[in-house]
Amino acid sequence: MEYIPNQKEYIPYQKGKPPPGDNYILVRVIDEETGKDEGLQWVPREQIGDAPIRHEQINSLLPMLRWTWRHLEKYVHWCRTFEDWELGFMRDTNPGSEVAIWVMATYAFLEFTHDERWEKAGVFKAVRKVLIGRDDLVRPKRVARRLKKLMSKPPQFLKDVENFTADGHLKTGERYLR
């Protein structure tokens, strides 16, 4: 998903060892000049640039993408508009998989916050940490476990684009998911 400029300030990933800091994300680094795969490395978030646009259109995914945006818009601070959100997916190597991940994350967010006793912005931050593999930072631990479980087993109807309207509404399921 990310395009990494050729820099050598990365920290090689070691299985079982925690990230070097909260601002690091795990990425596969490819040397721009040689094309050599330098493996998984921890990279400071601020060193990640924009990937080139790889897909001119992702029209078939737009109903699901609009659904995620409708529910997450106020928490996705790195995007000002839906068009910014869409552009990120157009840059992704496999936008279908990335949209599926965000559909699962949106479902987990909505399901988890449905009972209204959780502060939504905090839950969204926890969802993001789970998505980037930093569930070790989510407190209490049971929140991370439940979010991971919800993300791993979303309802089948969320996997079919036909269950979403063109403007991003879910046609089936509980009202709070629509």
C-alpha atoms as a PDB file:
ATOM      1  CA  MET A   1       0.000   0.000   0.000  1.00  0.00           C
ATOM      2  CA  GLU A   2       2.761   2.443   0.832  1.00  0.00           C
ATOM      3  CA  TYR A   3       5.506   3.824  -1.340  1.00  0.00           C
ATOM      4  CA  ILE A   4       8.763   4.139   0.568  1.00  0.00           C
ATOM      5  CA  PRO A   5      11.480   6.554  -0.546  1.00  0.00           C
ATOM      6  CA  ASN A   6      14.945   4.996  -0.670  1.00  0.00           C
ATOM      7  CA  GLN A   7      16.258   5.676   2.835  1.00  0.00           C
ATOM      8  CA  LYS A   8      18.305   3.547   5.196  1.00  0.00           C
ATOM      9  CA  GLU A   9      16.827   4.730   8.506  1.00  0.00           C
ATOM     10  CA  TYR A  10      14.552   1.730   8.769  1.00  0.00           C
ATOM     11  CA  ILE A  11      14.731  -0.880  11.488  1.00  0.00           C
ATOM     12  CA  PRO A  12      14.588  -4.516  10.343  1.00  0.00           C
ATOM     13  CA  TYR A  13      11.608  -6.479  11.622  1.00  0.00           C
ATOM     14  CA  GLN A  14      12.371  -9.309  14.035  1.00  0.00           C
ATOM     15  CA  LYS A  15       9.597 -11.765  14.802  1.00  0.00           C
ATOM     16  CA  GLY A  16       8.393 -11.480  18.382  1.00  0.00           C
ATOM     17  CA  LYS A  17      10.123  -8.157  18.961  1.00  0.00           C
ATOM     18  CA  PRO A  18       7.841  -5.111  19.475  1.00  0.00           C
ATOM     19  CA  PRO A  19       7.979  -2.044  17.211  1.00  0.00           C
ATOM     20  CA  PRO A  20      10.626   0.538  18.109  1.00  0.00           C
ATOM     21  CA  GLY A  21       7.969   3.186  18.797  1.00  0.00           C
ATOM     22  CA  ASP A  22       4.337   4.156  18.388  1.00  0.00           C
ATOM     23  CA  ASN A  23       5.030   6.142  15.209  1.00  0.00           C
ATOM     24  CA  TYR A  24       6.531   3.153  13.351  1.00  0.00           C
ATOM     25  CA  ILE A  25       4.612   0.964  10.954  1.00  0.00           C
ATOM     26  CA  LEU A  26       5.626  -2.345   9.437  1.00  0.00           C
ATOM     27  CA  VAL A  27       6.143  -2.268   5.663  1.00  0.00           C
ATOM     28  CA  ARG A  28       7.850  -4.292   2.965  1.00  0.00           C
ATOM     29  CA  VAL A  29      10.666  -2.122   1.604  1.00  0.00           C
ATOM     30  CA  ILE A  30      11.665  -2.338  -2.066  1.00  0.00           C
ATOM     31  CA  ASP A  31      14.784  -0.473  -3.220  1.00  0.00           C
ATOM     32  CA  GLU A  32      13.642   1.970  -5.932  1.00  0.00           C
ATOM     33  CA  GLU A  33      16.838   1.731  -7.957  1.00  0.00           C
ATOM     34  CA  THR A  34      17.461  -2.013  -7.926  1.00  0.00           C
ATOM     35  CA  GLY A  35      13.995  -3.369  -7.252  1.00  0.00           C
ATOM     36  CA  LYS A  36      15.531  -5.532  -4.531  1.00  0.00           C
ATOM     37  CA  ASP A  37      13.178  -6.634  -1.767  1.00  0.00           C
ATOM     38  CA  GLU A  38      14.737  -5.491   1.500  1.00  0.00           C
ATOM     39  CA  GLY A  39      12.133  -7.342   3.559  1.00  0.00           C
ATOM     40  CA  LEU A  40       9.860  -6.225   6.346  1.00  0.00           C
ATOM     41  CA  GLN A  41      11.099  -3.171   8.192  1.00  0.00           C
ATOM     42  CA  TRP A  42       9.816  -0.699  10.753  1.00  0.00           C
ATOM     43  CA  VAL A  43       9.542   2.735   9.135  1.00  0.00           C
ATOM     44  CA  PRO A  44       8.686   6.050  10.808  1.00  0.00           C
ATOM     45  CA  ARG A  45       5.233   7.089   9.610  1.00  0.00           C
ATOM     46  CA  GLU A  46       6.494  10.504   8.466  1.00  0.00           C
ATOM     47  CA  GLN A  47       8.886   8.872   5.967  1.00  0.00           C
ATOM     48  CA  ILE A  48       6.118   7.168   4.029  1.00  0.00           C
ATOM     49  CA  GLY A  49       5.147   8.964   0.861  1.00  0.00           C
ATOM     50  CA  ASP A  50       2.283   8.525  -1.544  1.00  0.00           C
ATOM     51  CA  ALA A  51       2.321   5.524  -3.816  1.00  0.00           C
ATOM     52  CA  PRO A  52       1.625   6.124  -7.494  1.00  0.00           C
ATOM     53  CA  ILE A  53      -1.938   5.646  -8.716  1.00  0.00           C
ATOM     54  CA  ARG A  54      -2.126   2.026  -9.812  1.00  0.00           C
ATOM     55  CA  HIS A  55      -5.817   1.810 -10.727  1.00  0.00           C
ATOM     56  CA  GLU A  56      -7.576   4.428 -12.842  1.00  0.00           C
ATOM     57  CA  GLN A  57     -10.954   3.460 -11.433  1.00  0.00           C
ATOM     58  CA  ILE A  58     -12.347   1.227  -8.721  1.00  0.00           C
ATOM     59  CA  ASN A  59     -16.020   1.715  -9.563  1.00  0.00           C
ATOM     60  CA  SER A  60     -17.082  -1.800  -8.564  1.00  0.00           C
ATOM     61  CA  LEU A  61     -15.798  -1.160  -5.018  1.00  0.00           C
ATOM     62  CA  LEU A  62     -17.370   2.281  -4.564  1.00  0.00           C
ATOM     63  CA  PRO A  63     -20.582   1.162  -2.795  1.00  0.00           C
ATOM     64  CA  MET A  64     -18.547  -0.571  -0.065  1.00  0.00           C
ATOM     65  CA  LEU A  65     -16.028   2.256   0.064  1.00  0.00           C
ATOM     66  CA  ARG A  66     -18.803   4.817   0.473  1.00  0.00           C
ATOM     67  CA  TRP A  67     -20.279   2.740   3.311  1.00  0.00           C
ATOM     68  CA  THR A  68     -16.950   2.759   5.167  1.00  0.00           C
ATOM     69  CA  TRP A  69     -16.579   6.496   4.588  1.00  0.00           C
ATOM     70  CA  ARG A  70     -20.113   7.249   5.815  1.00  0.00           C
ATOM     71  CA  HIS A  71     -19.345   5.628   9.152  1.00  0.00           C
ATOM     72  CA  LEU A  72     -15.681   6.566   9.609  1.00  0.00           C
ATOM     73  CA  GLU A  73     -15.449   9.989   7.977  1.00  0.00           C
ATOM     74  CA  LYS A  74     -15.134  11.994  11.191  1.00  0.00           C
ATOM     75  CA  TYR A  75     -12.341   9.733  12.500  1.00  0.00           C
ATOM     76  CA  VAL A  76     -10.262   9.434   9.317  1.00  0.00           C
ATOM     77  CA  HIS A  77      -8.270  12.630   9.845  1.00  0.00           C
ATOM     78  CA  TRP A  78      -5.761  11.898   7.088  1.00  0.00           C
ATOM     79  CA  CYS A  79      -8.509  12.355   4.447  1.00  0.00           C
ATOM     80  CA  ARG A  80     -10.473  15.561   4.032  1.00  0.00           C
ATOM     81  CA  THR A  81     -12.953  14.240   1.491  1.00  0.00           C
ATOM     82  CA  PHE A  82     -14.335  11.002   0.112  1.00  0.00           C
ATOM     83  CA  GLU A  83     -12.230  11.626  -2.991  1.00  0.00           C
ATOM     84  CA  ASP A  84      -9.064  11.591  -0.821  1.00  0.00           C
ATOM     85  CA  TRP A  85     -10.276   8.325   0.747  1.00  0.00           C
ATOM     86  CA  GLU A  86     -10.940   6.811  -2.698  1.00  0.00           C
ATOM     87  CA  LEU A  87      -7.557   7.956  -4.032  1.00  0.00           C
ATOM     88  CA  GLY A  88      -5.776   6.026  -1.293  1.00  0.00           C
ATOM     89  CA  PHE A  89      -7.412   2.826  -2.507  1.00  0.00           C
ATOM     90  CA  MET A  90      -6.568   3.648  -6.127  1.00  0.00           C
ATOM     91  CA  ARG A  91      -2.907   3.752  -5.076  1.00  0.00           C
ATOM     92  CA  ASP A  92      -3.079   0.339  -3.414  1.00  0.00           C
ATOM     93  CA  THR A  93      -1.629  -2.710  -5.136  1.00  0.00           C
ATOM     94  CA  ASN A  94      -4.759  -4.716  -4.361  1.00  0.00           C
ATOM     95  CA  PRO A  95      -7.646  -2.315  -3.668  1.00  0.00           C
ATOM     96  CA  GLY A  96     -10.209  -5.135  -3.362  1.00  0.00           C
ATOM     97  CA  SER A  97      -8.358  -6.630  -0.400  1.00  0.00           C
ATOM     98  CA  GLU A  98      -7.830  -3.229   1.187  1.00  0.00           C
ATOM     99  CA  VAL A  99     -11.520  -2.324   0.863  1.00  0.00           C
ATOM    100  CA  ALA A 100     -12.407  -5.701   2.417  1.00  0.00           C
ATOM    101  CA  ILE A 101     -10.114  -4.924   5.356  1.00  0.00           C
ATOM    102  CA  TRP A 102     -11.806  -1.558   5.892  1.00  0.00           C
ATOM    103  CA  VAL A 103     -15.276  -3.101   5.587  1.00  0.00           C
ATOM    104  CA  MET A 104     -14.307  -5.555   8.355  1.00  0.00           C
ATOM    105  CA  ALA A 105     -12.819  -2.714  10.420  1.00  0.00           C
ATOM    106  CA  THR A 106     -15.959  -0.598   9.943  1.00  0.00           C
ATOM    107  CA  TYR A 107     -18.144  -3.515  10.971  1.00  0.00           C
ATOM    108  CA  ALA A 108     -16.040  -4.100  14.103  1.00  0.00           C
ATOM    109  CA  PHE A 109     -16.199  -0.380  14.939  1.00  0.00           C
ATOM    110  CA  LEU A 110     -19.993  -0.224  14.515  1.00  0.00           C
ATOM    111  CA  GLU A 111     -20.638  -3.467  16.355  1.00  0.00           C
ATOM    112  CA  PHE A 112     -18.346  -2.523  19.227  1.00  0.00           C
ATOM    113  CA  THR A 113     -19.785   0.975  19.667  1.00  0.00           C
ATOM    114  CA  HIS A 114     -23.414  -0.039  19.182  1.00  0.00           C
ATOM    115  CA  ASP A 115     -24.104  -0.208  22.920  1.00  0.00           C
ATOM    116  CA  GLU A 116     -23.097   3.487  23.234  1.00  0.00           C
ATOM    117  CA  ARG A 117     -20.998   3.098  26.375  1.00  0.00           C
ATOM    118  CA  TRP A 118     -17.723   3.373  24.477  1.00  0.00           C
ATOM    119  CA  GLU A 119     -16.261   6.645  23.254  1.00  0.00           C
ATOM    120  CA  LYS A 120     -16.232   6.251  19.452  1.00  0.00           C
ATOM    121  CA  ALA A 121     -13.036   8.172  18.722  1.00  0.00           C
ATOM    122  CA  GLY A 122     -11.162   5.987  21.207  1.00  0.00           C
ATOM    123  CA  VAL A 123     -12.585   2.817  19.694  1.00  0.00           C
ATOM    124  CA  PHE A 124     -11.553   3.985  16.226  1.00  0.00           C
ATOM    125  CA  LYS A 125      -8.002   4.535  17.490  1.00  0.00           C
ATOM    126  CA  ALA A 126      -8.053   0.988  18.881  1.00  0.00           C
ATOM    127  CA  VAL A 127      -9.309  -0.350  15.526  1.00  0.00           C
ATOM    128  CA  ARG A 128      -6.433   1.433  13.755  1.00  0.00           C
ATOM    129  CA  LYS A 129      -3.895  -0.017  16.161  1.00  0.00           C
ATOM    130  CA  VAL A 130      -5.267  -3.505  15.562  1.00  0.00           C
ATOM    131  CA  LEU A 131      -5.112  -2.931  11.792  1.00  0.00           C
ATOM    132  CA  ILE A 132      -1.446  -1.947  11.872  1.00  0.00           C
ATOM    133  CA  GLY A 133      -0.484  -4.786  14.180  1.00  0.00           C
ATOM    134  CA  ARG A 134      -0.124  -2.674  17.316  1.00  0.00           C
ATOM    135  CA  ASP A 135      -2.889  -4.278  19.374  1.00  0.00           C
ATOM    136  CA  ASP A 136      -0.288  -4.449  22.168  1.00  0.00           C
ATOM    137  CA  LEU A 137      -1.040  -0.739  22.707  1.00  0.00           C
ATOM    138  CA  VAL A 138      -4.807  -1.204  23.104  1.00  0.00           C
ATOM    139  CA  ARG A 139      -6.072  -1.047  26.675  1.00  0.00           C
ATOM    140  CA  PRO A 140      -7.873  -2.849  28.124  1.00  0.00           C
ATOM    141  CA  LYS A 141      -6.597  -5.971  26.367  1.00  0.00           C
ATOM    142  CA  ARG A 142     -10.104  -7.388  26.083  1.00  0.00           C
ATOM    143  CA  VAL A 143     -10.960  -4.509  23.710  1.00  0.00           C
ATOM    144  CA  ALA A 144      -8.220  -5.596  21.296  1.00  0.00           C
ATOM    145  CA  ARG A 145      -9.300  -9.232  21.558  1.00  0.00           C
ATOM    146  CA  ARG A 146     -12.926  -8.396  20.832  1.00  0.00           C
ATOM    147  CA  LEU A 147     -12.080  -6.097  17.924  1.00  0.00           C
ATOM    148  CA  LYS A 148      -9.839  -8.742  16.382  1.00  0.00           C
ATOM    149  CA  LYS A 149     -12.587 -11.335  16.756  1.00  0.00           C
ATOM    150  CA  LEU A 150     -15.170  -9.034  15.163  1.00  0.00           C
ATOM    151  CA  MET A 151     -12.830  -8.232  12.276  1.00  0.00           C
ATOM    152  CA  SER A 152     -12.079 -11.887  11.677  1.00  0.00           C
ATOM    153  CA  LYS A 153     -15.729 -12.965  11.402  1.00  0.00           C
ATOM    154  CA  PRO A 154     -17.895 -10.304   9.780  1.00  0.00           C
ATOM    155  CA  PRO A 155     -21.356 -11.307   8.547  1.00  0.00           C
ATOM    156  CA  GLN A 156     -21.416 -12.845   5.060  1.00  0.00           C
ATOM    157  CA  PHE A 157     -23.657 -10.083   3.708  1.00  0.00           C
ATOM    158  CA  LEU A 158     -20.804  -7.574   4.137  1.00  0.00           C
ATOM    159  CA  LYS A 159     -18.715  -9.500   1.619  1.00  0.00           C
ATOM    160  CA  ASP A 160     -21.126  -8.956  -1.276  1.00  0.00           C
ATOM    161  CA  VAL A 161     -21.098  -5.564  -3.005  1.00  0.00           C
ATOM    162  CA  GLU A 162     -24.689  -6.226  -4.147  1.00  0.00           C
ATOM    163  CA  ASN A 163     -25.790  -5.669  -0.536  1.00  0.00           C
ATOM    164  CA  PHE A 164     -24.697  -2.007  -0.714  1.00  0.00           C
ATOM    165  CA  THR A 165     -26.453   0.825  -2.510  1.00  0.00           C
ATOM    166  CA  ALA A 166     -24.507   3.033  -4.911  1.00  0.00           C
ATOM    167  CA  ASP A 167     -24.512   5.836  -2.324  1.00  0.00           C
ATOM    168  CA  GLY A 168     -23.032   3.625   0.401  1.00  0.00           C
ATOM    169  CA  HIS A 169     -25.932   2.291   2.415  1.00  0.00           C
ATOM    170  CA  LEU A 170     -26.200  -1.308   3.493  1.00  0.00           C
ATOM    171  CA  LYS A 171     -29.420  -2.954   2.271  1.00  0.00           C
ATOM    172  CA  THR A 172     -29.556  -5.636   4.962  1.00  0.00           C
ATOM    173  CA  GLY A 173     -28.475  -6.248   8.536  1.00  0.00           C
ATOM    174  CA  GLU A 174     -29.098  -4.370  11.739  1.00  0.00           C
ATOM    175  CA  ARG A 175     -30.143  -0.732  11.425  1.00  0.00           C
ATOM    176  CA  TYR A 176     -26.977   0.568  13.118  1.00  0.00           C
ATOM    177  CA  LEU A 177     -24.914  -1.091  10.373  1.00  0.00           C
ATOM    178  CA  ARG A 178     -26.791   0.568   7.544  1.00  0.00           C
END
